[in-house]
Amino acid sequence: METLEKWAERIYSESDFGRGVATSISGAIGLSTYLFFNDWVIALFSVMISFPIIRIAASSSYKWNQDRAQQKSIERELECTFNGLTEHEKLVVAAFVDAGGTTLTFSRINRLDLSSAAIESLVQRELLWTSVMSDGMTESFVLDMALFDKALSATNESAH
């Protein structure tokens, strides 16, 4: 009897979504099979066959939904960040989009008529940082890739 109690406790304290769904559905399948055929062997095989299939399907569905929710959350956060930029900060981001990449050299930035306060603000927000190019000598500014992608899509949407 103690084994049955431990087994029941494990099932009801389980935090794995796929296992919980699979246990419930395969249990219902097993019970239905037993009631229909009045044969516990067929019912046991029904449970054993259905459990892993249902668990895989439930776990996959749950993971897919979690990933989708997380992606939407990231997109909302990026949208808020992008919409929260000042006009001067958006001009800095637009300069990267116009250049076609996330990296601009210091000399190129200096030739553009951009607000140094807006550049520093993006640096402080950790959306823009300084780097050294692969030649080891040329210093550059690097824009956050997600922000660049958002600005590029916003530019493409406004062009259509």
C-alpha atoms as a PDB file:
ATOM      1  CA  MET A   1       0.000   0.000   0.000  1.00  0.00           C
ATOM      2  CA  GLU A   2       2.922   2.323   0.752  1.00  0.00           C
ATOM      3  CA  THR A   3       4.207   1.877  -2.810  1.00  0.00           C
ATOM      4  CA  LEU A   4       0.828   2.891  -4.205  1.00  0.00           C
ATOM      5  CA  GLU A   5       0.816   6.015  -2.015  1.00  0.00           C
ATOM      6  CA  LYS A   6       4.323   6.988  -3.184  1.00  0.00           C
ATOM      7  CA  TRP A   7       3.297   6.433  -6.791  1.00  0.00           C
ATOM      8  CA  ALA A   8       0.173   8.582  -6.373  1.00  0.00           C
ATOM      9  CA  GLU A   9       2.160  11.296  -4.596  1.00  0.00           C
ATOM     10  CA  ARG A  10       4.689  11.370  -7.434  1.00  0.00           C
ATOM     11  CA  ILE A  11       1.990  11.682 -10.072  1.00  0.00           C
ATOM     12  CA  TYR A  12       0.170  14.514  -8.325  1.00  0.00           C
ATOM     13  CA  SER A  13       3.320  16.430  -7.390  1.00  0.00           C
ATOM     14  CA  GLU A  14       4.760  16.169 -10.908  1.00  0.00           C
ATOM     15  CA  SER A  15       5.658  19.508 -12.463  1.00  0.00           C
ATOM     16  CA  ASP A  16       6.395  18.133 -15.953  1.00  0.00           C
ATOM     17  CA  PHE A  17       3.457  19.259 -18.077  1.00  0.00           C
ATOM     18  CA  GLY A  18       3.840  16.509 -20.680  1.00  0.00           C
ATOM     19  CA  ARG A  19       3.975  13.771 -18.080  1.00  0.00           C
ATOM     20  CA  GLY A  20       0.928  15.121 -16.262  1.00  0.00           C
ATOM     21  CA  VAL A  21      -1.156  15.291 -19.430  1.00  0.00           C
ATOM     22  CA  ALA A  22       0.063  11.880 -20.591  1.00  0.00           C
ATOM     23  CA  THR A  23      -0.690  10.298 -17.215  1.00  0.00           C
ATOM     24  CA  SER A  24      -4.211  11.681 -17.205  1.00  0.00           C
ATOM     25  CA  ILE A  25      -5.110  10.825 -20.787  1.00  0.00           C
ATOM     26  CA  SER A  26      -3.437   7.410 -20.852  1.00  0.00           C
ATOM     27  CA  GLY A  27      -5.131   6.610 -17.535  1.00  0.00           C
ATOM     28  CA  ALA A  28      -8.490   7.507 -19.069  1.00  0.00           C
ATOM     29  CA  ILE A  29      -7.642   5.378 -22.109  1.00  0.00           C
ATOM     30  CA  GLY A  30      -6.660   2.461 -19.868  1.00  0.00           C
ATOM     31  CA  LEU A  31      -9.822   2.743 -17.795  1.00  0.00           C
ATOM     32  CA  SER A  32     -12.024   3.036 -20.885  1.00  0.00           C
ATOM     33  CA  THR A  33     -10.303   0.050 -22.472  1.00  0.00           C
ATOM     34  CA  TYR A  34     -10.762  -2.002 -19.322  1.00  0.00           C
ATOM     35  CA  LEU A  35     -14.439  -1.067 -19.036  1.00  0.00           C
ATOM     36  CA  PHE A  36     -15.059  -1.832 -22.707  1.00  0.00           C
ATOM     37  CA  PHE A  37     -13.116  -5.124 -22.984  1.00  0.00           C
ATOM     38  CA  ASN A  38     -13.140  -6.147 -19.320  1.00  0.00           C
ATOM     39  CA  ASP A  39      -9.514  -7.259 -19.752  1.00  0.00           C
ATOM     40  CA  TRP A  40      -6.761  -5.698 -17.637  1.00  0.00           C
ATOM     41  CA  VAL A  41      -3.990  -6.968 -20.001  1.00  0.00           C
ATOM     42  CA  ILE A  42      -5.424  -5.059 -22.965  1.00  0.00           C
ATOM     43  CA  ALA A  43      -5.974  -2.035 -20.718  1.00  0.00           C
ATOM     44  CA  LEU A  44      -2.355  -2.190 -19.510  1.00  0.00           C
ATOM     45  CA  PHE A  45      -1.017  -2.392 -23.059  1.00  0.00           C
ATOM     46  CA  SER A  46      -3.256   0.514 -24.076  1.00  0.00           C
ATOM     47  CA  VAL A  47      -1.761   2.621 -21.293  1.00  0.00           C
ATOM     48  CA  MET A  48       1.804   1.547 -22.111  1.00  0.00           C
ATOM     49  CA  ILE A  49       1.377   2.323 -25.806  1.00  0.00           C
ATOM     50  CA  SER A  50      -0.484   5.616 -25.428  1.00  0.00           C
ATOM     51  CA  PHE A  51       1.567   7.166 -22.594  1.00  0.00           C
ATOM     52  CA  PRO A  52       4.836   7.924 -24.470  1.00  0.00           C
ATOM     53  CA  ILE A  53       3.019   9.125 -27.574  1.00  0.00           C
ATOM     54  CA  ILE A  54       0.816  11.480 -25.598  1.00  0.00           C
ATOM     55  CA  ARG A  55       3.747  12.657 -23.494  1.00  0.00           C
ATOM     56  CA  ILE A  56       5.815  13.564 -26.555  1.00  0.00           C
ATOM     57  CA  ALA A  57       2.886  15.362 -28.179  1.00  0.00           C
ATOM     58  CA  ALA A  58       1.955  17.258 -24.996  1.00  0.00           C
ATOM     59  CA  SER A  59       5.562  18.225 -24.218  1.00  0.00           C
ATOM     60  CA  SER A  60       6.161  19.406 -27.780  1.00  0.00           C
ATOM     61  CA  SER A  61       2.987  21.446 -27.817  1.00  0.00           C
ATOM     62  CA  TYR A  62       3.779  22.998 -24.435  1.00  0.00           C
ATOM     63  CA  LYS A  63       7.369  23.872 -25.498  1.00  0.00           C
ATOM     64  CA  TRP A  64       6.145  25.368 -28.761  1.00  0.00           C
ATOM     65  CA  ASN A  65       3.628  27.545 -26.892  1.00  0.00           C
ATOM     66  CA  GLN A  66       6.260  28.612 -24.342  1.00  0.00           C
ATOM     67  CA  ASP A  67       8.731  29.531 -27.108  1.00  0.00           C
ATOM     68  CA  ARG A  68       6.077  31.495 -28.956  1.00  0.00           C
ATOM     69  CA  ALA A  69       5.096  33.390 -25.804  1.00  0.00           C
ATOM     70  CA  GLN A  70       8.742  34.155 -25.041  1.00  0.00           C
ATOM     71  CA  GLN A  71       9.340  35.405 -28.601  1.00  0.00           C
ATOM     72  CA  LYS A  72       6.282  37.659 -28.383  1.00  0.00           C
ATOM     73  CA  SER A  73       7.540  39.034 -25.074  1.00  0.00           C
ATOM     74  CA  ILE A  74      10.942  39.811 -26.595  1.00  0.00           C
ATOM     75  CA  GLU A  75       9.273  41.486 -29.575  1.00  0.00           C
ATOM     76  CA  ARG A  76       7.066  43.617 -27.291  1.00  0.00           C
ATOM     77  CA  GLU A  77      10.096  44.644 -25.248  1.00  0.00           C
ATOM     78  CA  LEU A  78      12.021  45.573 -28.403  1.00  0.00           C
ATOM     79  CA  GLU A  79       9.016  47.499 -29.712  1.00  0.00           C
ATOM     80  CA  CYS A  80       8.873  49.470 -26.442  1.00  0.00           C
ATOM     81  CA  THR A  81      12.607  50.145 -26.599  1.00  0.00           C
ATOM     82  CA  PHE A  82      12.415  51.299 -30.209  1.00  0.00           C
ATOM     83  CA  ASN A  83       9.365  53.480 -29.609  1.00  0.00           C
ATOM     84  CA  GLY A  84      11.036  54.936 -26.509  1.00  0.00           C
ATOM     85  CA  LEU A  85      13.991  56.305 -28.455  1.00  0.00           C
ATOM     86  CA  THR A  86      14.223  60.057 -28.839  1.00  0.00           C
ATOM     87  CA  GLU A  87      14.207  61.583 -32.319  1.00  0.00           C
ATOM     88  CA  HIS A  88      17.971  62.156 -32.110  1.00  0.00           C
ATOM     89  CA  GLU A  89      18.557  58.557 -31.046  1.00  0.00           C
ATOM     90  CA  LYS A  90      16.395  57.378 -33.947  1.00  0.00           C
ATOM     91  CA  LEU A  91      18.553  59.442 -36.306  1.00  0.00           C
ATOM     92  CA  VAL A  92      21.638  57.626 -35.012  1.00  0.00           C
ATOM     93  CA  VAL A  93      19.943  54.264 -35.536  1.00  0.00           C
ATOM     94  CA  ALA A  94      18.793  55.389 -39.003  1.00  0.00           C
ATOM     95  CA  ALA A  95      22.408  56.175 -39.906  1.00  0.00           C
ATOM     96  CA  PHE A  96      23.294  52.526 -39.273  1.00  0.00           C
ATOM     97  CA  VAL A  97      20.297  51.354 -41.325  1.00  0.00           C
ATOM     98  CA  ASP A  98      21.240  53.709 -44.171  1.00  0.00           C
ATOM     99  CA  ALA A  99      24.792  52.346 -44.063  1.00  0.00           C
ATOM    100  CA  GLY A 100      23.370  48.828 -44.255  1.00  0.00           C
ATOM    101  CA  GLY A 101      24.976  47.308 -41.193  1.00  0.00           C
ATOM    102  CA  THR A 102      25.384  47.331 -37.452  1.00  0.00           C
ATOM    103  CA  THR A 103      28.909  48.778 -37.524  1.00  0.00           C
ATOM    104  CA  LEU A 104      30.087  52.279 -38.386  1.00  0.00           C
ATOM    105  CA  THR A 105      33.614  53.591 -37.963  1.00  0.00           C
ATOM    106  CA  PHE A 106      34.332  56.568 -35.732  1.00  0.00           C
ATOM    107  CA  SER A 107      35.356  58.615 -38.777  1.00  0.00           C
ATOM    108  CA  ARG A 108      32.065  57.846 -40.528  1.00  0.00           C
ATOM    109  CA  ILE A 109      30.070  58.803 -37.413  1.00  0.00           C
ATOM    110  CA  ASN A 110      32.047  62.048 -37.125  1.00  0.00           C
ATOM    111  CA  ARG A 111      31.207  62.935 -40.768  1.00  0.00           C
ATOM    112  CA  LEU A 112      27.496  62.504 -40.095  1.00  0.00           C
ATOM    113  CA  ASP A 113      25.535  65.283 -38.420  1.00  0.00           C
ATOM    114  CA  LEU A 114      24.513  63.249 -35.364  1.00  0.00           C
ATOM    115  CA  SER A 115      23.997  64.358 -31.793  1.00  0.00           C
ATOM    116  CA  SER A 116      26.848  63.209 -29.575  1.00  0.00           C
ATOM    117  CA  ALA A 117      24.400  63.210 -26.659  1.00  0.00           C
ATOM    118  CA  ALA A 118      22.152  60.781 -28.555  1.00  0.00           C
ATOM    119  CA  ILE A 119      25.145  58.528 -29.266  1.00  0.00           C
ATOM    120  CA  GLU A 120      26.144  58.595 -25.601  1.00  0.00           C
ATOM    121  CA  SER A 121      22.549  57.929 -24.563  1.00  0.00           C
ATOM    122  CA  LEU A 122      22.467  54.794 -26.743  1.00  0.00           C
ATOM    123  CA  VAL A 123      25.797  53.727 -25.247  1.00  0.00           C
ATOM    124  CA  GLN A 124      24.408  54.184 -21.721  1.00  0.00           C
ATOM    125  CA  ARG A 125      21.310  52.173 -22.660  1.00  0.00           C
ATOM    126  CA  GLU A 126      23.687  49.443 -23.872  1.00  0.00           C
ATOM    127  CA  LEU A 127      22.213  49.599 -27.369  1.00  0.00           C
ATOM    128  CA  LEU A 128      25.422  50.933 -28.889  1.00  0.00           C
ATOM    129  CA  TRP A 129      29.000  50.224 -27.905  1.00  0.00           C
ATOM    130  CA  THR A 130      32.498  50.785 -29.160  1.00  0.00           C
ATOM    131  CA  SER A 131      34.645  48.131 -30.716  1.00  0.00           C
ATOM    132  CA  VAL A 132      37.792  47.607 -32.720  1.00  0.00           C
ATOM    133  CA  MET A 133      37.453  46.344 -36.285  1.00  0.00           C
ATOM    134  CA  SER A 134      39.097  43.104 -37.369  1.00  0.00           C
ATOM    135  CA  ASP A 135      42.138  45.004 -38.671  1.00  0.00           C
ATOM    136  CA  GLY A 136      42.947  45.719 -35.025  1.00  0.00           C
ATOM    137  CA  MET A 137      43.383  49.444 -35.614  1.00  0.00           C
ATOM    138  CA  THR A 138      40.089  51.000 -36.728  1.00  0.00           C
ATOM    139  CA  GLU A 139      37.692  51.893 -33.935  1.00  0.00           C
ATOM    140  CA  SER A 140      33.987  51.619 -34.561  1.00  0.00           C
ATOM    141  CA  PHE A 141      30.531  51.846 -33.077  1.00  0.00           C
ATOM    142  CA  VAL A 142      28.399  48.699 -33.023  1.00  0.00           C
ATOM    143  CA  LEU A 143      24.610  48.894 -32.817  1.00  0.00           C
ATOM    144  CA  ASP A 144      22.574  46.205 -31.082  1.00  0.00           C
ATOM    145  CA  MET A 145      21.558  43.630 -33.729  1.00  0.00           C
ATOM    146  CA  ALA A 146      17.937  43.327 -32.557  1.00  0.00           C
ATOM    147  CA  LEU A 147      17.525  47.119 -32.573  1.00  0.00           C
ATOM    148  CA  PHE A 148      19.051  47.286 -36.057  1.00  0.00           C
ATOM    149  CA  ASP A 149      16.644  44.600 -37.305  1.00  0.00           C
ATOM    150  CA  LYS A 150      13.680  46.429 -35.758  1.00  0.00           C
ATOM    151  CA  ALA A 151      14.721  49.748 -37.310  1.00  0.00           C
ATOM    152  CA  LEU A 152      15.302  48.065 -40.678  1.00  0.00           C
ATOM    153  CA  SER A 153      11.833  46.460 -40.608  1.00  0.00           C
ATOM    154  CA  ALA A 154      10.273  49.777 -39.536  1.00  0.00           C
ATOM    155  CA  THR A 155      12.033  51.481 -42.460  1.00  0.00           C
ATOM    156  CA  ASN A 156      10.825  48.799 -44.869  1.00  0.00           C
ATOM    157  CA  GLU A 157       7.259  49.045 -43.534  1.00  0.00           C
ATOM    158  CA  SER A 158       7.200  52.819 -43.941  1.00  0.00           C
ATOM    159  CA  ALA A 159       8.574  52.479 -47.498  1.00  0.00           C
ATOM    160  CA  HIS A 160       5.620  50.302 -48.527  1.00  0.00           C
END
